[in-house]
Amino acid sequence: LENWSPQSALGQLQAKLDASEAESEAQIEQFLAQDLPLGSFLESFCQSRTRSHICRTQLEKLQELLQK
């Protein structure tokens, strides 16, 4: 088990958020290039945006707790 610290948790959440945002961007580019059908785009895009939202919310909450 690696050492846990608030900073490592923040870093991991930020990395997950960045990856999810990049995934969303790639999906948009695929859709606009007509490499991804509408149904597939909507399903995968909604999933990645949900992951982004969850990560962003967790990141903001952890930052808020650490400021107290």
Protein backbone atom coordinates (compact mmCIF):
# COMPACT_ATOMS: atom_id res chain seq x y z
CA LEU A 1 0.00 0.00 0.00
CA GLU A 2 1.52 3.30 -1.06
CA ASN A 3 1.67 6.20 1.35
CA TRP A 4 -1.52 8.20 1.24
CA SER A 5 -1.44 11.96 1.44
CA PRO A 6 -3.94 14.66 0.55
CA GLN A 7 -1.53 15.84 -2.15
CA SER A 8 -1.31 12.38 -3.74
CA ALA A 9 -5.11 12.13 -3.68
CA LEU A 10 -5.40 15.55 -5.32
CA GLY A 11 -2.87 14.53 -7.95
CA GLN A 12 -4.71 11.30 -8.73
CA LEU A 13 -8.06 13.06 -8.99
CA GLN A 14 -6.55 15.74 -11.24
CA ALA A 15 -5.01 13.05 -13.46
CA LYS A 16 -8.36 11.26 -13.74
CA LEU A 17 -10.09 14.53 -14.56
CA ASP A 18 -7.50 15.41 -17.21
CA ALA A 19 -7.82 11.95 -18.79
CA SER A 20 -11.59 12.16 -18.85
CA GLU A 21 -11.52 15.64 -20.40
CA ALA A 22 -9.07 14.42 -23.06
CA GLU A 23 -11.32 11.43 -23.77
CA SER A 24 -14.31 13.75 -24.26
CA GLU A 25 -12.32 15.92 -26.67
CA ALA A 26 -11.23 12.87 -28.66
CA GLN A 27 -14.85 11.66 -28.88
CA ILE A 28 -15.98 15.06 -30.18
CA GLU A 29 -13.22 15.03 -32.81
CA GLN A 30 -14.16 11.48 -33.89
CA PHE A 31 -17.82 12.44 -34.15
CA LEU A 32 -17.09 15.60 -36.13
CA ALA A 33 -14.85 13.59 -38.47
CA GLN A 34 -17.81 11.21 -38.90
CA ASP A 35 -15.74 8.32 -37.48
CA LEU A 36 -18.25 7.76 -34.69
CA PRO A 37 -22.00 7.22 -35.22
CA LEU A 38 -24.38 9.49 -33.31
CA GLY A 39 -25.68 6.77 -30.96
CA SER A 40 -22.19 5.60 -30.02
CA PHE A 41 -21.02 9.19 -29.60
CA LEU A 42 -23.88 10.11 -27.28
CA GLU A 43 -23.41 7.04 -25.10
CA SER A 44 -19.63 7.32 -24.74
CA PHE A 45 -19.64 11.12 -24.48
CA CYS A 46 -22.25 11.08 -21.69
CA GLN A 47 -20.21 8.49 -19.78
CA SER A 48 -16.98 10.46 -20.04
CA ARG A 49 -18.71 13.73 -19.11
CA THR A 50 -20.26 12.03 -16.06
CA ARG A 51 -16.79 10.79 -15.02
CA SER A 52 -15.40 14.32 -15.50
CA HIS A 53 -18.16 15.82 -13.38
CA ILE A 54 -17.64 13.28 -10.57
CA CYS A 55 -13.86 13.80 -10.57
CA ARG A 56 -14.21 17.58 -10.64
CA THR A 57 -16.69 17.50 -7.74
CA GLN A 58 -14.42 15.20 -5.68
CA LEU A 59 -11.39 17.35 -6.44
CA GLU A 60 -13.18 20.57 -5.43
CA LYS A 61 -14.53 18.98 -2.24
CA LEU A 62 -11.09 17.68 -1.23
CA GLN A 63 -9.52 21.09 -1.93
CA GLU A 64 -12.24 22.72 0.17
CA LEU A 65 -11.62 20.31 3.07
CA LEU A 66 -7.87 20.87 2.94
CA GLN A 67 -8.32 24.65 3.16
CA LYS A 68 -10.11 24.37 6.50
